[in-house]
Amino acid sequence: MKITVEATINAAPAKVWDYYTKPEHITQWNFADPSWHCPSAENDLRVGGKYRARMEAKDGSFGFDFEAVYSELVLGRKLTYQMTDGREATVTFDGNNGQTDVTVTFDAETENSVELQRGGWQAILDNFKKYTESQ
């Protein structure tokens, strides 16, 4: 099953792409809840390149590495990656009169409910929107 989350960012596509893909920005928005953070990120933005983001509870009680490998890349417009568990995600960036529509479609996992997964990924995308628009 595929899940889709979306946001319209009030910024030009080039800025949105940079803020979504550059590690110094990823660490500022890549978490679903304010009690978490993303202390480090690496992004080798090419087909076959690896993406890694460290996700941790701020109190140190839990953390994990989110890792993926890019399988498709259209600079400034689209990226597709495969997560370590074999699931796939695609992110598209569509410019529209000074705004950018960002759509993330990902394969659901079986451990958590669809609603929980959608909510978590949407919260991360909402953080991205808030961070990008505030810069």
C-alpha atoms as a PDB file:
ATOM      1  CA  MET A   1       0.000   0.000   0.000  1.00  0.00           C
ATOM      2  CA  LYS A   2       1.213   3.478  -0.864  1.00  0.00           C
ATOM      3  CA  ILE A   3       0.663   6.546   1.331  1.00  0.00           C
ATOM      4  CA  THR A   4       0.887  10.128   0.054  1.00  0.00           C
ATOM      5  CA  VAL A   5       1.485  13.342   1.989  1.00  0.00           C
ATOM      6  CA  GLU A   6       1.624  16.828   0.463  1.00  0.00           C
ATOM      7  CA  ALA A   7       2.457  20.429   1.236  1.00  0.00           C
ATOM      8  CA  THR A   8       2.602  23.685  -0.710  1.00  0.00           C
ATOM      9  CA  ILE A   9       5.717  25.616   0.223  1.00  0.00           C
ATOM     10  CA  ASN A  10       5.734  29.404  -0.237  1.00  0.00           C
ATOM     11  CA  ALA A  11       9.151  29.406  -1.896  1.00  0.00           C
ATOM     12  CA  ALA A  12      10.648  28.898  -5.342  1.00  0.00           C
ATOM     13  CA  PRO A  13      11.467  25.328  -6.446  1.00  0.00           C
ATOM     14  CA  ALA A  14      15.264  25.858  -6.361  1.00  0.00           C
ATOM     15  CA  LYS A  15      15.171  26.914  -2.703  1.00  0.00           C
ATOM     16  CA  VAL A  16      12.775  24.112  -1.779  1.00  0.00           C
ATOM     17  CA  TRP A  17      15.006  21.523  -3.467  1.00  0.00           C
ATOM     18  CA  ASP A  18      18.106  22.833  -1.670  1.00  0.00           C
ATOM     19  CA  TYR A  19      16.420  22.900   1.722  1.00  0.00           C
ATOM     20  CA  TYR A  20      15.059  19.374   1.203  1.00  0.00           C
ATOM     21  CA  THR A  21      18.367  17.844   0.075  1.00  0.00           C
ATOM     22  CA  LYS A  22      21.237  19.669   1.814  1.00  0.00           C
ATOM     23  CA  PRO A  23      22.331  18.131   5.144  1.00  0.00           C
ATOM     24  CA  GLU A  24      22.693  21.485   6.911  1.00  0.00           C
ATOM     25  CA  HIS A  25      18.992  22.074   6.306  1.00  0.00           C
ATOM     26  CA  ILE A  26      17.784  18.472   6.764  1.00  0.00           C
ATOM     27  CA  THR A  27      18.962  18.550  10.387  1.00  0.00           C
ATOM     28  CA  GLN A  28      16.740  21.583  11.037  1.00  0.00           C
ATOM     29  CA  TRP A  29      13.388  20.047  10.007  1.00  0.00           C
ATOM     30  CA  ASN A  30      13.623  16.237   9.790  1.00  0.00           C
ATOM     31  CA  PHE A  31      11.572  15.117  12.813  1.00  0.00           C
ATOM     32  CA  ALA A  32       7.883  14.522  13.446  1.00  0.00           C
ATOM     33  CA  ASP A  33       7.627  15.824  17.004  1.00  0.00           C
ATOM     34  CA  PRO A  34       9.330  18.698  18.891  1.00  0.00           C
ATOM     35  CA  SER A  35      10.659  16.199  21.458  1.00  0.00           C
ATOM     36  CA  TRP A  36      12.834  14.712  18.688  1.00  0.00           C
ATOM     37  CA  HIS A  37      15.657  16.076  16.575  1.00  0.00           C
ATOM     38  CA  CYS A  38      17.914  15.147  13.676  1.00  0.00           C
ATOM     39  CA  PRO A  39      21.483  15.688  14.929  1.00  0.00           C
ATOM     40  CA  SER A  40      23.186  14.588  11.697  1.00  0.00           C
ATOM     41  CA  ALA A  41      22.464  13.933   8.032  1.00  0.00           C
ATOM     42  CA  GLU A  42      24.445  12.818   4.985  1.00  0.00           C
ATOM     43  CA  ASN A  43      23.200  12.979   1.410  1.00  0.00           C
ATOM     44  CA  ASP A  44      25.040  11.661  -1.651  1.00  0.00           C
ATOM     45  CA  LEU A  45      22.563  13.032  -4.176  1.00  0.00           C
ATOM     46  CA  ARG A  46      23.042  10.729  -7.179  1.00  0.00           C
ATOM     47  CA  VAL A  47      21.592   7.439  -8.433  1.00  0.00           C
ATOM     48  CA  GLY A  48      23.210   4.808  -6.217  1.00  0.00           C
ATOM     49  CA  GLY A  49      24.049   7.462  -3.613  1.00  0.00           C
ATOM     50  CA  LYS A  50      23.156   7.015   0.031  1.00  0.00           C
ATOM     51  CA  TYR A  51      20.977   9.173   2.258  1.00  0.00           C
ATOM     52  CA  ARG A  52      21.302   8.866   6.029  1.00  0.00           C
ATOM     53  CA  ALA A  53      19.659  10.879   8.784  1.00  0.00           C
ATOM     54  CA  ARG A  54      20.059  10.245  12.497  1.00  0.00           C
ATOM     55  CA  MET A  55      16.725  10.592  14.312  1.00  0.00           C
ATOM     56  CA  GLU A  56      16.792  10.818  18.125  1.00  0.00           C
ATOM     57  CA  ALA A  57      14.590  11.689  21.050  1.00  0.00           C
ATOM     58  CA  LYS A  58      16.058  14.834  22.624  1.00  0.00           C
ATOM     59  CA  ASP A  59      16.161  13.098  26.010  1.00  0.00           C
ATOM     60  CA  GLY A  60      18.370  10.346  24.547  1.00  0.00           C
ATOM     61  CA  SER A  61      15.864   7.586  25.269  1.00  0.00           C
ATOM     62  CA  PHE A  62      15.643   6.328  21.673  1.00  0.00           C
ATOM     63  CA  GLY A  63      17.189   6.873  18.280  1.00  0.00           C
ATOM     64  CA  PHE A  64      17.682   5.294  14.881  1.00  0.00           C
ATOM     65  CA  ASP A  65      19.323   5.879  11.521  1.00  0.00           C
ATOM     66  CA  PHE A  66      16.988   6.376   8.572  1.00  0.00           C
ATOM     67  CA  GLU A  67      18.905   5.152   5.528  1.00  0.00           C
ATOM     68  CA  ALA A  68      18.080   4.880   1.843  1.00  0.00           C
ATOM     69  CA  VAL A  69      19.703   4.598  -1.590  1.00  0.00           C
ATOM     70  CA  TYR A  70      18.589   6.704  -4.545  1.00  0.00           C
ATOM     71  CA  SER A  71      17.230   4.798  -7.549  1.00  0.00           C
ATOM     72  CA  GLU A  72      16.008   7.782  -9.602  1.00  0.00           C
ATOM     73  CA  LEU A  73      16.925  11.437  -9.598  1.00  0.00           C
ATOM     74  CA  VAL A  74      15.770  14.382 -11.692  1.00  0.00           C
ATOM     75  CA  LEU A  75      17.595  17.371 -10.210  1.00  0.00           C
ATOM     76  CA  GLY A  76      15.223  19.960  -8.830  1.00  0.00           C
ATOM     77  CA  ARG A  77      12.123  17.931  -9.709  1.00  0.00           C
ATOM     78  CA  LYS A  78      12.044  14.364  -8.388  1.00  0.00           C
ATOM     79  CA  LEU A  79      13.863  11.815  -6.285  1.00  0.00           C
ATOM     80  CA  THR A  80      13.104   8.173  -5.616  1.00  0.00           C
ATOM     81  CA  TYR A  81      14.854   6.091  -2.984  1.00  0.00           C
ATOM     82  CA  GLN A  82      14.710   2.632  -1.518  1.00  0.00           C
ATOM     83  CA  MET A  83      14.834   2.255   2.253  1.00  0.00           C
ATOM     84  CA  THR A  84      16.888  -0.483   3.905  1.00  0.00           C
ATOM     85  CA  ASP A  85      13.751  -2.610   4.420  1.00  0.00           C
ATOM     86  CA  GLY A  86      13.034  -2.556   0.666  1.00  0.00           C
ATOM     87  CA  ARG A  87      10.222   0.000   0.725  1.00  0.00           C
ATOM     88  CA  GLU A  88      10.321   2.821  -1.803  1.00  0.00           C
ATOM     89  CA  ALA A  89       9.522   6.519  -1.592  1.00  0.00           C
ATOM     90  CA  THR A  90       9.222   9.191  -4.284  1.00  0.00           C
ATOM     91  CA  VAL A  91       9.310  12.934  -3.683  1.00  0.00           C
ATOM     92  CA  THR A  92       8.254  15.392  -6.394  1.00  0.00           C
ATOM     93  CA  PHE A  93       8.729  19.153  -6.516  1.00  0.00           C
ATOM     94  CA  ASP A  94       6.360  21.096  -8.769  1.00  0.00           C
ATOM     95  CA  GLY A  95       6.718  24.864  -9.118  1.00  0.00           C
ATOM     96  CA  ASN A  96       3.552  26.936  -9.287  1.00  0.00           C
ATOM     97  CA  ASN A  97       3.715  30.785  -9.390  1.00  0.00           C
ATOM     98  CA  GLY A  98       6.475  31.211  -6.784  1.00  0.00           C
ATOM     99  CA  GLN A  99       5.292  28.289  -4.697  1.00  0.00           C
ATOM    100  CA  THR A 100       6.351  24.644  -4.767  1.00  0.00           C
ATOM    101  CA  ASP A 101       4.079  21.654  -4.320  1.00  0.00           C
ATOM    102  CA  VAL A 102       5.964  18.850  -2.579  1.00  0.00           C
ATOM    103  CA  THR A 103       4.425  15.381  -2.751  1.00  0.00           C
ATOM    104  CA  VAL A 104       5.862  12.378  -0.929  1.00  0.00           C
ATOM    105  CA  THR A 105       4.528   8.915  -1.783  1.00  0.00           C
ATOM    106  CA  PHE A 106       5.903   5.956   0.152  1.00  0.00           C
ATOM    107  CA  ASP A 107       5.270   2.271   0.664  1.00  0.00           C
ATOM    108  CA  ALA A 108       3.565   1.616   3.982  1.00  0.00           C
ATOM    109  CA  GLU A 109       5.233  -0.657   6.492  1.00  0.00           C
ATOM    110  CA  THR A 110       3.339  -3.291   8.477  1.00  0.00           C
ATOM    111  CA  GLU A 111       4.386  -2.408  12.039  1.00  0.00           C
ATOM    112  CA  ASN A 112       2.324   0.773  12.467  1.00  0.00           C
ATOM    113  CA  SER A 113      -1.143   1.821  11.336  1.00  0.00           C
ATOM    114  CA  VAL A 114      -1.569   3.693   8.062  1.00  0.00           C
ATOM    115  CA  GLU A 115      -2.923   6.672  10.015  1.00  0.00           C
ATOM    116  CA  LEU A 116       0.146   6.775  12.274  1.00  0.00           C
ATOM    117  CA  GLN A 117       2.511   6.535   9.309  1.00  0.00           C
ATOM    118  CA  ARG A 118       0.667   9.214   7.329  1.00  0.00           C
ATOM    119  CA  GLY A 119       0.587  11.475  10.392  1.00  0.00           C
ATOM    120  CA  GLY A 120       4.300  11.072  11.075  1.00  0.00           C
ATOM    121  CA  TRP A 121       5.407  11.702   7.502  1.00  0.00           C
ATOM    122  CA  GLN A 122       2.982  14.648   7.211  1.00  0.00           C
ATOM    123  CA  ALA A 123       4.349  16.145  10.442  1.00  0.00           C
ATOM    124  CA  ILE A 124       7.888  15.952   9.040  1.00  0.00           C
ATOM    125  CA  LEU A 125       6.754  17.583   5.792  1.00  0.00           C
ATOM    126  CA  ASP A 126       4.937  20.284   7.790  1.00  0.00           C
ATOM    127  CA  ASN A 127       8.180  20.935   9.727  1.00  0.00           C
ATOM    128  CA  PHE A 128       9.971  21.222   6.398  1.00  0.00           C
ATOM    129  CA  LYS A 129       7.402  23.771   5.173  1.00  0.00           C
ATOM    130  CA  LYS A 130       7.661  25.837   8.357  1.00  0.00           C
ATOM    131  CA  TYR A 131      11.477  25.811   8.338  1.00  0.00           C
ATOM    132  CA  THR A 132      11.809  26.618   4.628  1.00  0.00           C
ATOM    133  CA  GLU A 133       9.307  29.471   4.725  1.00  0.00           C
ATOM    134  CA  SER A 134      10.968  30.988   7.797  1.00  0.00           C
ATOM    135  CA  GLN A 135      14.424  31.267   6.182  1.00  0.00           C
END
